[in-house]
Amino acid sequence: HHLLEVVLRVQLMKMLTWDFGIKTGFRRNTGKVGKHFQETLSTTDWDLLLATYASAEKRATWHSLFNMCSLFRDRAHYVAQFFQFKFPEEDDARVYAYLRYLHEGTIDDL
């Protein structure tokens, strides 16, 4: 749970900040801890962001992790396209497959 919040969330918030910047022409601040993200995220992405916050329960932590992956991937595609970068599809697929493998070894159903 610590890695989810301290390591992964930091990267997710950076990506959401880039997304916010693109959508606002880099003229606005995201606010403390991204309080203005809701203004530029779709309802689906906002709900997904909220779903990245988990209780300490193992099942909830896995849900949060996979929600983070999904939201990060979606916004990273958008940011990469905007800046004309190539999104590393193969790396993303390998990391996600490995996370699924780890998950399958810890609890039966998600």
PDB file of N, CA and C in Angstrom:
ATOM      1  N   HIS A   1       0.832  -1.187   0.000  1.00  0.00           N
ATOM      2  CA  HIS A   1       0.000   0.000   0.000  1.00  0.00           C
ATOM      3  C   HIS A   1       0.880   1.256   0.000  1.00  0.00           C
ATOM      4  N   HIS A   2       1.980   1.219   0.717  1.00  0.00           N
ATOM      5  CA  HIS A   2       2.894   2.362   0.790  1.00  0.00           C
ATOM      6  C   HIS A   2       3.432   2.711  -0.604  1.00  0.00           C
ATOM      7  N   LEU A   3       3.869   1.721  -1.369  1.00  0.00           N
ATOM      8  CA  LEU A   3       4.396   1.975  -2.708  1.00  0.00           C
ATOM      9  C   LEU A   3       3.324   2.563  -3.626  1.00  0.00           C
ATOM     10  N   LEU A   4       2.116   2.090  -3.458  1.00  0.00           N
ATOM     11  CA  LEU A   4       1.001   2.595  -4.259  1.00  0.00           C
ATOM     12  C   LEU A   4       0.842   4.102  -4.052  1.00  0.00           C
ATOM     13  N   GLU A   5       0.886   4.526  -2.813  1.00  0.00           N
ATOM     14  CA  GLU A   5       0.657   5.939  -2.494  1.00  0.00           C
ATOM     15  C   GLU A   5       1.889   6.810  -2.674  1.00  0.00           C
ATOM     16  N   VAL A   6       3.049   6.308  -2.317  1.00  0.00           N
ATOM     17  CA  VAL A   6       4.246   7.145  -2.307  1.00  0.00           C
ATOM     18  C   VAL A   6       4.964   7.155  -3.654  1.00  0.00           C
ATOM     19  N   VAL A   7       4.977   6.034  -4.341  1.00  0.00           N
ATOM     20  CA  VAL A   7       5.709   5.954  -5.602  1.00  0.00           C
ATOM     21  C   VAL A   7       4.766   6.117  -6.801  1.00  0.00           C
ATOM     22  N   LEU A   8       3.774   5.265  -6.887  1.00  0.00           N
ATOM     23  CA  LEU A   8       2.922   5.249  -8.069  1.00  0.00           C
ATOM     24  C   LEU A   8       1.995   6.463  -8.168  1.00  0.00           C
ATOM     25  N   ARG A   9       1.425   6.879  -7.062  1.00  0.00           N
ATOM     26  CA  ARG A   9       0.520   8.025  -7.114  1.00  0.00           C
ATOM     27  C   ARG A   9       1.258   9.289  -7.569  1.00  0.00           C
ATOM     28  N   VAL A  10       2.503   9.435  -7.168  1.00  0.00           N
ATOM     29  CA  VAL A  10       3.283  10.601  -7.591  1.00  0.00           C
ATOM     30  C   VAL A  10       3.372  10.644  -9.122  1.00  0.00           C
ATOM     31  N   GLN A  11       3.625   9.500  -9.734  1.00  0.00           N
ATOM     32  CA  GLN A  11       3.729   9.455 -11.195  1.00  0.00           C
ATOM     33  C   GLN A  11       2.371   9.701 -11.860  1.00  0.00           C
ATOM     34  N   LEU A  12       1.315   9.141 -11.283  1.00  0.00           N
ATOM     35  CA  LEU A  12      -0.019   9.371 -11.812  1.00  0.00           C
ATOM     36  C   LEU A  12      -0.359  10.858 -11.754  1.00  0.00           C
ATOM     37  N   MET A  13      -0.068  11.501 -10.639  1.00  0.00           N
ATOM     38  CA  MET A  13      -0.379  12.917 -10.483  1.00  0.00           C
ATOM     39  C   MET A  13       0.434  13.777 -11.463  1.00  0.00           C
ATOM     40  N   LYS A  14       1.680  13.373 -11.744  1.00  0.00           N
ATOM     41  CA  LYS A  14       2.475  14.090 -12.740  1.00  0.00           C
ATOM     42  C   LYS A  14       1.812  13.996 -14.110  1.00  0.00           C
ATOM     43  N   MET A  15       1.359  12.794 -14.471  1.00  0.00           N
ATOM     44  CA  MET A  15       0.722  12.617 -15.767  1.00  0.00           C
ATOM     45  C   MET A  15      -0.573  13.421 -15.843  1.00  0.00           C
ATOM     46  N   LEU A  16      -1.349  13.414 -14.770  1.00  0.00           N
ATOM     47  CA  LEU A  16      -2.587  14.188 -14.756  1.00  0.00           C
ATOM     48  C   LEU A  16      -2.308  15.693 -14.818  1.00  0.00           C
ATOM     49  N   THR A  17      -1.187  16.115 -14.272  1.00  0.00           N
ATOM     50  CA  THR A  17      -0.797  17.520 -14.339  1.00  0.00           C
ATOM     51  C   THR A  17      -0.461  17.906 -15.780  1.00  0.00           C
ATOM     52  N   TRP A  18       0.249  17.041 -16.503  1.00  0.00           N
ATOM     53  CA  TRP A  18       0.520  17.295 -17.920  1.00  0.00           C
ATOM     54  C   TRP A  18      -0.792  17.357 -18.700  1.00  0.00           C
ATOM     55  N   ASP A  19      -1.679  16.420 -18.439  1.00  0.00           N
ATOM     56  CA  ASP A  19      -2.987  16.385 -19.091  1.00  0.00           C
ATOM     57  C   ASP A  19      -3.740  17.694 -18.835  1.00  0.00           C
ATOM     58  N   PHE A  20      -3.757  18.128 -17.600  1.00  0.00           N
ATOM     59  CA  PHE A  20      -4.420  19.367 -17.204  1.00  0.00           C
ATOM     60  C   PHE A  20      -3.785  20.562 -17.932  1.00  0.00           C
ATOM     61  N   GLY A  21      -2.460  20.583 -17.963  1.00  0.00           N
ATOM     62  CA  GLY A  21      -1.755  21.675 -18.627  1.00  0.00           C
ATOM     63  C   GLY A  21      -2.114  21.784 -20.099  1.00  0.00           C
ATOM     64  N   ILE A  22      -2.138  20.653 -20.781  1.00  0.00           N
ATOM     65  CA  ILE A  22      -2.503  20.655 -22.201  1.00  0.00           C
ATOM     66  C   ILE A  22      -3.906  21.219 -22.381  1.00  0.00           C
ATOM     67  N   LYS A  23      -4.827  20.748 -21.569  1.00  0.00           N
ATOM     68  CA  LYS A  23      -6.229  21.148 -21.716  1.00  0.00           C
ATOM     69  C   LYS A  23      -6.491  22.596 -21.329  1.00  0.00           C
ATOM     70  N   THR A  24      -5.609  23.181 -20.535  1.00  0.00           N
ATOM     71  CA  THR A  24      -5.788  24.576 -20.112  1.00  0.00           C
ATOM     72  C   THR A  24      -4.776  25.508 -20.766  1.00  0.00           C
ATOM     73  N   GLY A  25      -4.058  25.000 -21.750  1.00  0.00           N
ATOM     74  CA  GLY A  25      -3.046  25.815 -22.412  1.00  0.00           C
ATOM     75  C   GLY A  25      -1.908  26.187 -21.483  1.00  0.00           C
ATOM     76  N   PHE A  26      -1.703  25.422 -20.443  1.00  0.00           N
ATOM     77  CA  PHE A  26      -0.661  25.671 -19.440  1.00  0.00           C
ATOM     78  C   PHE A  26      -0.797  27.054 -18.815  1.00  0.00           C
ATOM     79  N   ARG A  27      -2.047  27.513 -18.695  1.00  0.00           N
ATOM     80  CA  ARG A  27      -2.306  28.835 -18.122  1.00  0.00           C
ATOM     81  C   ARG A  27      -2.874  28.763 -16.710  1.00  0.00           C
ATOM     82  N   ARG A  28      -3.189  27.562 -16.248  1.00  0.00           N
ATOM     83  CA  ARG A  28      -3.811  27.417 -14.927  1.00  0.00           C
ATOM     84  C   ARG A  28      -3.012  26.452 -14.079  1.00  0.00           C
ATOM     85  N   ASN A  29      -3.172  26.611 -12.800  1.00  0.00           N
ATOM     86  CA  ASN A  29      -2.557  25.728 -11.818  1.00  0.00           C
ATOM     87  C   ASN A  29      -3.559  24.637 -11.470  1.00  0.00           C
ATOM     88  N   THR A  30      -3.065  23.441 -11.211  1.00  0.00           N
ATOM     89  CA  THR A  30      -3.953  22.323 -10.857  1.00  0.00           C
ATOM     90  C   THR A  30      -4.556  22.474  -9.468  1.00  0.00           C
ATOM     91  N   GLY A  31      -4.009  23.382  -8.681  1.00  0.00           N
ATOM     92  CA  GLY A  31      -4.460  23.515  -7.301  1.00  0.00           C
ATOM     93  C   GLY A  31      -3.723  22.512  -6.424  1.00  0.00           C
ATOM     94  N   LYS A  32      -3.850  22.690  -5.155  1.00  0.00           N
ATOM     95  CA  LYS A  32      -3.172  21.808  -4.209  1.00  0.00           C
ATOM     96  C   LYS A  32      -3.676  20.382  -4.375  1.00  0.00           C
ATOM     97  N   VAL A  33      -2.756  19.464  -4.551  1.00  0.00           N
ATOM     98  CA  VAL A  33      -3.039  18.035  -4.703  1.00  0.00           C
ATOM     99  C   VAL A  33      -4.039  17.780  -5.844  1.00  0.00           C
ATOM    100  N   GLY A  34      -3.975  18.613  -6.888  1.00  0.00           N
ATOM    101  CA  GLY A  34      -4.819  18.414  -8.066  1.00  0.00           C
ATOM    102  C   GLY A  34      -6.289  18.709  -7.864  1.00  0.00           C
ATOM    103  N   LYS A  35      -6.598  19.660  -7.008  1.00  0.00           N
ATOM    104  CA  LYS A  35      -8.010  19.916  -6.701  1.00  0.00           C
ATOM    105  C   LYS A  35      -8.818  20.372  -7.918  1.00  0.00           C
ATOM    106  N   HIS A  36      -8.148  20.877  -8.969  1.00  0.00           N
ATOM    107  CA  HIS A  36      -8.860  21.314 -10.162  1.00  0.00           C
ATOM    108  C   HIS A  36      -8.901  20.263 -11.277  1.00  0.00           C
ATOM    109  N   PHE A  37      -8.360  19.090 -11.036  1.00  0.00           N
ATOM    110  CA  PHE A  37      -8.381  18.044 -12.062  1.00  0.00           C
ATOM    111  C   PHE A  37      -9.797  17.754 -12.557  1.00  0.00           C
ATOM    112  N   GLN A  38     -10.748  17.798 -11.676  1.00  0.00           N
ATOM    113  CA  GLN A  38     -12.124  17.460 -12.046  1.00  0.00           C
ATOM    114  C   GLN A  38     -12.645  18.371 -13.163  1.00  0.00           C
ATOM    115  N   GLU A  39     -12.112  19.566 -13.262  1.00  0.00           N
ATOM    116  CA  GLU A  39     -12.566  20.513 -14.278  1.00  0.00           C
ATOM    117  C   GLU A  39     -12.195  20.087 -15.699  1.00  0.00           C
ATOM    118  N   THR A  40     -11.147  19.283 -15.847  1.00  0.00           N
ATOM    119  CA  THR A  40     -10.699  18.905 -17.189  1.00  0.00           C
ATOM    120  C   THR A  40     -10.828  17.409 -17.472  1.00  0.00           C
ATOM    121  N   LEU A  41     -10.998  16.593 -16.441  1.00  0.00           N
ATOM    122  CA  LEU A  41     -11.151  15.154 -16.658  1.00  0.00           C
ATOM    123  C   LEU A  41     -12.595  14.835 -17.028  1.00  0.00           C
ATOM    124  N   SER A  42     -12.763  13.827 -17.861  1.00  0.00           N
ATOM    125  CA  SER A  42     -14.118  13.355 -18.142  1.00  0.00           C
ATOM    126  C   SER A  42     -14.697  12.780 -16.849  1.00  0.00           C
ATOM    127  N   THR A  43     -15.986  12.631 -16.810  1.00  0.00           N
ATOM    128  CA  THR A  43     -16.629  12.034 -15.631  1.00  0.00           C
ATOM    129  C   THR A  43     -16.070  10.640 -15.379  1.00  0.00           C
ATOM    130  N   THR A  44     -15.865   9.894 -16.447  1.00  0.00           N
ATOM    131  CA  THR A  44     -15.311   8.536 -16.317  1.00  0.00           C
ATOM    132  C   THR A  44     -13.917   8.569 -15.712  1.00  0.00           C
ATOM    133  N   ASP A  45     -13.054   9.470 -16.225  1.00  0.00           N
ATOM    134  CA  ASP A  45     -11.690   9.556 -15.688  1.00  0.00           C
ATOM    135  C   ASP A  45     -11.679  10.087 -14.258  1.00  0.00           C
ATOM    136  N   TRP A  46     -12.567  11.020 -13.942  1.00  0.00           N
ATOM    137  CA  TRP A  46     -12.649  11.518 -12.568  1.00  0.00           C
ATOM    138  C   TRP A  46     -13.049  10.384 -11.620  1.00  0.00           C
ATOM    139  N   ASP A  47     -14.055   9.614 -12.012  1.00  0.00           N
ATOM    140  CA  ASP A  47     -14.484   8.481 -11.189  1.00  0.00           C
ATOM    141  C   ASP A  47     -13.359   7.456 -11.041  1.00  0.00           C
ATOM    142  N   LEU A  48     -12.606   7.259 -12.118  1.00  0.00           N
ATOM    143  CA  LEU A  48     -11.480   6.323 -12.061  1.00  0.00           C
ATOM    144  C   LEU A  48     -10.403   6.842 -11.116  1.00  0.00           C
ATOM    145  N   LEU A  49     -10.135   8.147 -11.152  1.00  0.00           N
ATOM    146  CA  LEU A  49      -9.172   8.727 -10.217  1.00  0.00           C
ATOM    147  C   LEU A  49      -9.627   8.494  -8.778  1.00  0.00           C
ATOM    148  N   LEU A  50     -10.881   8.754  -8.504  1.00  0.00           N
ATOM    149  CA  LEU A  50     -11.385   8.521  -7.142  1.00  0.00           C
ATOM    150  C   LEU A  50     -11.248   7.051  -6.747  1.00  0.00           C
ATOM    151  N   ALA A  51     -11.399   6.169  -7.721  1.00  0.00           N
ATOM    152  CA  ALA A  51     -11.309   4.731  -7.453  1.00  0.00           C
ATOM    153  C   ALA A  51      -9.867   4.260  -7.246  1.00  0.00           C
ATOM    154  N   THR A  52      -8.903   5.165  -7.416  1.00  0.00           N
ATOM    155  CA  THR A  52      -7.512   4.776  -7.158  1.00  0.00           C
ATOM    156  C   THR A  52      -7.158   4.872  -5.674  1.00  0.00           C
ATOM    157  N   TYR A  53      -8.038   5.444  -4.882  1.00  0.00           N
ATOM    158  CA  TYR A  53      -7.797   5.542  -3.442  1.00  0.00           C
ATOM    159  C   TYR A  53      -8.396   4.322  -2.769  1.00  0.00           C
ATOM    160  N   ALA A  54      -7.571   3.590  -2.034  1.00  0.00           N
ATOM    161  CA  ALA A  54      -8.002   2.310  -1.488  1.00  0.00           C
ATOM    162  C   ALA A  54      -7.935   2.293   0.027  1.00  0.00           C
ATOM    163  N   SER A  55      -8.683   1.363   0.578  1.00  0.00           N
ATOM    164  CA  SER A  55      -8.509   1.054   1.995  1.00  0.00           C
ATOM    165  C   SER A  55      -7.256   0.187   2.094  1.00  0.00           C
ATOM    166  N   ALA A  56      -6.915  -0.241   3.255  1.00  0.00           N
ATOM    167  CA  ALA A  56      -5.730  -1.076   3.444  1.00  0.00           C
ATOM    168  C   ALA A  56      -5.998  -2.541   3.098  1.00  0.00           C
ATOM    169  N   GLU A  57      -7.206  -2.861   2.730  1.00  0.00           N
ATOM    170  CA  GLU A  57      -7.569  -4.236   2.374  1.00  0.00           C
ATOM    171  C   GLU A  57      -6.853  -4.641   1.083  1.00  0.00           C
ATOM    172  N   LYS A  58      -6.334  -5.874   1.052  1.00  0.00           N
ATOM    173  CA  LYS A  58      -5.560  -6.352  -0.087  1.00  0.00           C
ATOM    174  C   LYS A  58      -6.338  -6.241  -1.399  1.00  0.00           C
ATOM    175  N   ARG A  59      -7.558  -6.681  -1.406  1.00  0.00           N
ATOM    176  CA  ARG A  59      -8.375  -6.639  -2.627  1.00  0.00           C
ATOM    177  C   ARG A  59      -8.548  -5.206  -3.116  1.00  0.00           C
ATOM    178  N   ALA A  60      -8.817  -4.285  -2.213  1.00  0.00           N
ATOM    179  CA  ALA A  60      -9.003  -2.875  -2.577  1.00  0.00           C
ATOM    180  C   ALA A  60      -7.705  -2.270  -3.115  1.00  0.00           C
ATOM    181  N   THR A  61      -6.586  -2.693  -2.567  1.00  0.00           N
ATOM    182  CA  THR A  61      -5.297  -2.198  -3.031  1.00  0.00           C
ATOM    183  C   THR A  61      -5.035  -2.635  -4.464  1.00  0.00           C
ATOM    184  N   TRP A  62      -5.346  -3.885  -4.778  1.00  0.00           N
ATOM    185  CA  TRP A  62      -5.195  -4.352  -6.163  1.00  0.00           C
ATOM    186  C   TRP A  62      -6.122  -3.589  -7.102  1.00  0.00           C
ATOM    187  N   HIS A  63      -7.352  -3.362  -6.695  1.00  0.00           N
ATOM    188  CA  HIS A  63      -8.288  -2.578  -7.512  1.00  0.00           C
ATOM    189  C   HIS A  63      -7.695  -1.190  -7.782  1.00  0.00           C
ATOM    190  N   SER A  64      -7.172  -0.571  -6.756  1.00  0.00           N
ATOM    191  CA  SER A  64      -6.585   0.760  -6.895  1.00  0.00           C
ATOM    192  C   SER A  64      -5.417   0.750  -7.868  1.00  0.00           C
ATOM    193  N   LEU A  65      -4.568  -0.253  -7.745  1.00  0.00           N
ATOM    194  CA  LEU A  65      -3.411  -0.362  -8.631  1.00  0.00           C
ATOM    195  C   LEU A  65      -3.858  -0.472 -10.090  1.00  0.00           C
ATOM    196  N   PHE A  66      -4.795  -1.354 -10.373  1.00  0.00           N
ATOM    197  CA  PHE A  66      -5.244  -1.537 -11.749  1.00  0.00           C
ATOM    198  C   PHE A  66      -5.997  -0.302 -12.262  1.00  0.00           C
ATOM    199  N   ASN A  67      -6.701   0.391 -11.389  1.00  0.00           N
ATOM    200  CA  ASN A  67      -7.340   1.650 -11.784  1.00  0.00           C
ATOM    201  C   ASN A  67      -6.292   2.708 -12.119  1.00  0.00           C
ATOM    202  N   MET A  68      -5.222   2.765 -11.318  1.00  0.00           N
ATOM    203  CA  MET A  68      -4.127   3.694 -11.604  1.00  0.00           C
ATOM    204  C   MET A  68      -3.514   3.394 -12.964  1.00  0.00           C
ATOM    205  N   CYS A  69      -3.277   2.124 -13.224  1.00  0.00           N
ATOM    206  CA  CYS A  69      -2.698   1.731 -14.514  1.00  0.00           C
ATOM    207  C   CYS A  69      -3.580   2.182 -15.667  1.00  0.00           C
ATOM    208  N   SER A  70      -4.860   1.942 -15.542  1.00  0.00           N
ATOM    209  CA  SER A  70      -5.791   2.290 -16.602  1.00  0.00           C
ATOM    210  C   SER A  70      -5.828   3.800 -16.843  1.00  0.00           C
ATOM    211  N   LEU A  71      -5.940   4.565 -15.784  1.00  0.00           N
ATOM    212  CA  LEU A  71      -6.004   6.021 -15.911  1.00  0.00           C
ATOM    213  C   LEU A  71      -4.681   6.573 -16.440  1.00  0.00           C
ATOM    214  N   PHE A  72      -3.566   6.087 -15.908  1.00  0.00           N
ATOM    215  CA  PHE A  72      -2.258   6.552 -16.361  1.00  0.00           C
ATOM    216  C   PHE A  72      -2.090   6.257 -17.849  1.00  0.00           C
ATOM    217  N   ARG A  73      -2.403   5.045 -18.263  1.00  0.00           N
ATOM    218  CA  ARG A  73      -2.252   4.647 -19.662  1.00  0.00           C
ATOM    219  C   ARG A  73      -3.085   5.556 -20.576  1.00  0.00           C
ATOM    220  N   ASP A  74      -4.329   5.770 -20.206  1.00  0.00           N
ATOM    221  CA  ASP A  74      -5.219   6.590 -21.017  1.00  0.00           C
ATOM    222  C   ASP A  74      -4.690   8.010 -21.160  1.00  0.00           C
ATOM    223  N   ARG A  75      -4.337   8.626 -20.062  1.00  0.00           N
ATOM    224  CA  ARG A  75      -3.845  10.007 -20.108  1.00  0.00           C
ATOM    225  C   ARG A  75      -2.460  10.087 -20.749  1.00  0.00           C
ATOM    226  N   ALA A  76      -1.618   9.068 -20.558  1.00  0.00           N
ATOM    227  CA  ALA A  76      -0.286   9.053 -21.171  1.00  0.00           C
ATOM    228  C   ALA A  76      -0.386   8.966 -22.695  1.00  0.00           C
ATOM    229  N   HIS A  77      -1.352   8.210 -23.194  1.00  0.00           N
ATOM    230  CA  HIS A  77      -1.578   8.179 -24.642  1.00  0.00           C
ATOM    231  C   HIS A  77      -1.924   9.584 -25.157  1.00  0.00           C
ATOM    232  N   TYR A  78      -2.804  10.250 -24.450  1.00  0.00           N
ATOM    233  CA  TYR A  78      -3.222  11.602 -24.840  1.00  0.00           C
ATOM    234  C   TYR A  78      -2.037  12.571 -24.825  1.00  0.00           C
ATOM    235  N   VAL A  79      -1.267  12.551 -23.749  1.00  0.00           N
ATOM    236  CA  VAL A  79      -0.118  13.450 -23.608  1.00  0.00           C
ATOM    237  C   VAL A  79       0.935  13.127 -24.675  1.00  0.00           C
ATOM    238  N   ALA A  80       1.213  11.855 -24.876  1.00  0.00           N
ATOM    239  CA  ALA A  80       2.201  11.457 -25.889  1.00  0.00           C
ATOM    240  C   ALA A  80       1.766  11.914 -27.276  1.00  0.00           C
ATOM    241  N   GLN A  81       0.508  11.741 -27.600  1.00  0.00           N
ATOM    242  CA  GLN A  81       0.005  12.161 -28.902  1.00  0.00           C
ATOM    243  C   GLN A  81       0.133  13.679 -29.065  1.00  0.00           C
ATOM    244  N   PHE A  82      -0.213  14.422 -28.020  1.00  0.00           N
ATOM    245  CA  PHE A  82      -0.133  15.885 -28.078  1.00  0.00           C
ATOM    246  C   PHE A  82       1.289  16.345 -28.384  1.00  0.00           C
ATOM    247  N   PHE A  83       2.261  15.735 -27.712  1.00  0.00           N
ATOM    248  CA  PHE A  83       3.661  16.139 -27.883  1.00  0.00           C
ATOM    249  C   PHE A  83       4.371  15.353 -28.986  1.00  0.00           C
ATOM    250  N   GLN A  84       3.623  14.513 -29.676  1.00  0.00           N
ATOM    251  CA  GLN A  84       4.141  13.693 -30.766  1.00  0.00           C
ATOM    252  C   GLN A  84       5.258  12.760 -30.306  1.00  0.00           C
ATOM    253  N   PHE A  85       5.040  12.165 -29.117  1.00  0.00           N
ATOM    254  CA  PHE A  85       5.942  11.142 -28.601  1.00  0.00           C
ATOM    255  C   PHE A  85       5.352   9.780 -28.916  1.00  0.00           C
ATOM    256  N   LYS A  86       6.191   8.781 -28.974  1.00  0.00           N
ATOM    257  CA  LYS A  86       5.715   7.414 -29.158  1.00  0.00           C
ATOM    258  C   LYS A  86       5.463   6.808 -27.777  1.00  0.00           C
ATOM    259  N   PHE A  87       4.248   6.363 -27.533  1.00  0.00           N
ATOM    260  CA  PHE A  87       3.936   5.704 -26.265  1.00  0.00           C
ATOM    261  C   PHE A  87       4.541   4.303 -26.307  1.00  0.00           C
ATOM    262  N   PRO A  88       5.228   3.886 -25.238  1.00  0.00           N
ATOM    263  CA  PRO A  88       5.886   2.570 -25.234  1.00  0.00           C
ATOM    264  C   PRO A  88       4.881   1.431 -24.991  1.00  0.00           C
ATOM    265  N   GLU A  89       4.138   1.086 -26.024  1.00  0.00           N
ATOM    266  CA  GLU A  89       3.078   0.070 -25.930  1.00  0.00           C
ATOM    267  C   GLU A  89       3.600  -1.275 -25.412  1.00  0.00           C
ATOM    268  N   GLU A  90       4.749  -1.700 -25.936  1.00  0.00           N
ATOM    269  CA  GLU A  90       5.279  -3.011 -25.561  1.00  0.00           C
ATOM    270  C   GLU A  90       5.664  -3.046 -24.080  1.00  0.00           C
ATOM    271  N   ASP A  91       6.311  -1.992 -23.618  1.00  0.00           N
ATOM    272  CA  ASP A  91       6.683  -1.921 -22.200  1.00  0.00           C
ATOM    273  C   ASP A  91       5.441  -1.922 -21.324  1.00  0.00           C
ATOM    274  N   ASP A  92       4.461  -1.138 -21.722  1.00  0.00           N
ATOM    275  CA  ASP A  92       3.218  -1.061 -20.971  1.00  0.00           C
ATOM    276  C   ASP A  92       2.556  -2.440 -20.888  1.00  0.00           C
ATOM    277  N   ALA A  93       2.497  -3.135 -21.995  1.00  0.00           N
ATOM    278  CA  ALA A  93       1.868  -4.459 -22.022  1.00  0.00           C
ATOM    279  C   ALA A  93       2.625  -5.449 -21.138  1.00  0.00           C
ATOM    280  N   ARG A  94       3.947  -5.401 -21.167  1.00  0.00           N
ATOM    281  CA  ARG A  94       4.746  -6.318 -20.334  1.00  0.00           C
ATOM    282  C   ARG A  94       4.561  -6.026 -18.840  1.00  0.00           C
ATOM    283  N   VAL A  95       4.580  -4.761 -18.476  1.00  0.00           N
ATOM    284  CA  VAL A  95       4.400  -4.393 -17.063  1.00  0.00           C
ATOM    285  C   VAL A  95       3.011  -4.814 -16.584  1.00  0.00           C
ATOM    286  N   TYR A  96       2.006  -4.538 -17.404  1.00  0.00           N
ATOM    287  CA  TYR A  96       0.636  -4.886 -17.013  1.00  0.00           C
ATOM    288  C   TYR A  96       0.470  -6.406 -16.894  1.00  0.00           C
ATOM    289  N   ALA A  97       1.054  -7.146 -17.812  1.00  0.00           N
ATOM    290  CA  ALA A  97       0.994  -8.618 -17.749  1.00  0.00           C
ATOM    291  C   ALA A  97       1.676  -9.118 -16.479  1.00  0.00           C
ATOM    292  N   TYR A  98       2.789  -8.509 -16.117  1.00  0.00           N
ATOM    293  CA  TYR A  98       3.491  -8.918 -14.908  1.00  0.00           C
ATOM    294  C   TYR A  98       2.665  -8.612 -13.661  1.00  0.00           C
ATOM    295  N   LEU A  99       2.018  -7.466 -13.633  1.00  0.00           N
ATOM    296  CA  LEU A  99       1.150  -7.138 -12.496  1.00  0.00           C
ATOM    297  C   LEU A  99       0.006  -8.144 -12.386  1.00  0.00           C
ATOM    298  N   ARG A 100      -0.576  -8.512 -13.528  1.00  0.00           N
ATOM    299  CA  ARG A 100      -1.644  -9.526 -13.526  1.00  0.00           C
ATOM    300  C   ARG A 100      -1.125 -10.856 -12.990  1.00  0.00           C
ATOM    301  N   TYR A 101       0.076 -11.223 -13.389  1.00  0.00           N
ATOM    302  CA  TYR A 101       0.706 -12.453 -12.913  1.00  0.00           C
ATOM    303  C   TYR A 101       0.882 -12.408 -11.396  1.00  0.00           C
ATOM    304  N   LEU A 102       1.393 -11.301 -10.897  1.00  0.00           N
ATOM    305  CA  LEU A 102       1.553 -11.155  -9.441  1.00  0.00           C
ATOM    306  C   LEU A 102       0.210 -11.221  -8.739  1.00  0.00           C
ATOM    307  N   HIS A 103      -0.775 -10.556  -9.302  1.00  0.00           N
ATOM    308  CA  HIS A 103      -2.110 -10.556  -8.709  1.00  0.00           C
ATOM    309  C   HIS A 103      -2.687 -11.961  -8.621  1.00  0.00           C
ATOM    310  N   GLU A 104      -2.551 -12.716  -9.683  1.00  0.00           N
ATOM    311  CA  GLU A 104      -3.097 -14.074  -9.696  1.00  0.00           C
ATOM    312  C   GLU A 104      -2.469 -14.952  -8.607  1.00  0.00           C
ATOM    313  N   GLY A 105      -1.260 -14.626  -8.219  1.00  0.00           N
ATOM    314  CA  GLY A 105      -0.596 -15.392  -7.172  1.00  0.00           C
ATOM    315  C   GLY A 105      -0.945 -14.962  -5.770  1.00  0.00           C
ATOM    316  N   THR A 106      -1.748 -13.898  -5.621  1.00  0.00           N
ATOM    317  CA  THR A 106      -2.043 -13.398  -4.279  1.00  0.00           C
ATOM    318  C   THR A 106      -3.489 -13.617  -3.858  1.00  0.00           C
ATOM    319  N   ILE A 107      -4.443 -13.357  -4.734  1.00  0.00           N
ATOM    320  CA  ILE A 107      -5.846 -13.598  -4.396  1.00  0.00           C
ATOM    321  C   ILE A 107      -6.558 -14.147  -5.612  1.00  0.00           C
ATOM    322  N   ASP A 108      -7.576 -14.915  -5.400  1.00  0.00           N
ATOM    323  CA  ASP A 108      -8.229 -15.617  -6.480  1.00  0.00           C
ATOM    324  C   ASP A 108      -8.994 -14.725  -7.438  1.00  0.00           C
ATOM    325  N   ASP A 109      -9.902 -13.925  -6.947  1.00  0.00           N
ATOM    326  CA  ASP A 109     -10.668 -13.108  -7.880  1.00  0.00           C
ATOM    327  C   ASP A 109     -10.631 -11.640  -7.510  1.00  0.00           C
ATOM    328  N   LEU A 110     -10.578 -10.833  -8.531  1.00  0.00           N
ATOM    329  CA  LEU A 110     -10.498  -9.387  -8.334  1.00  0.00           C
ATOM    330  C   LEU A 110     -11.875  -8.793  -8.317  1.00  0.00           C
TER     331      LEU A 110
END
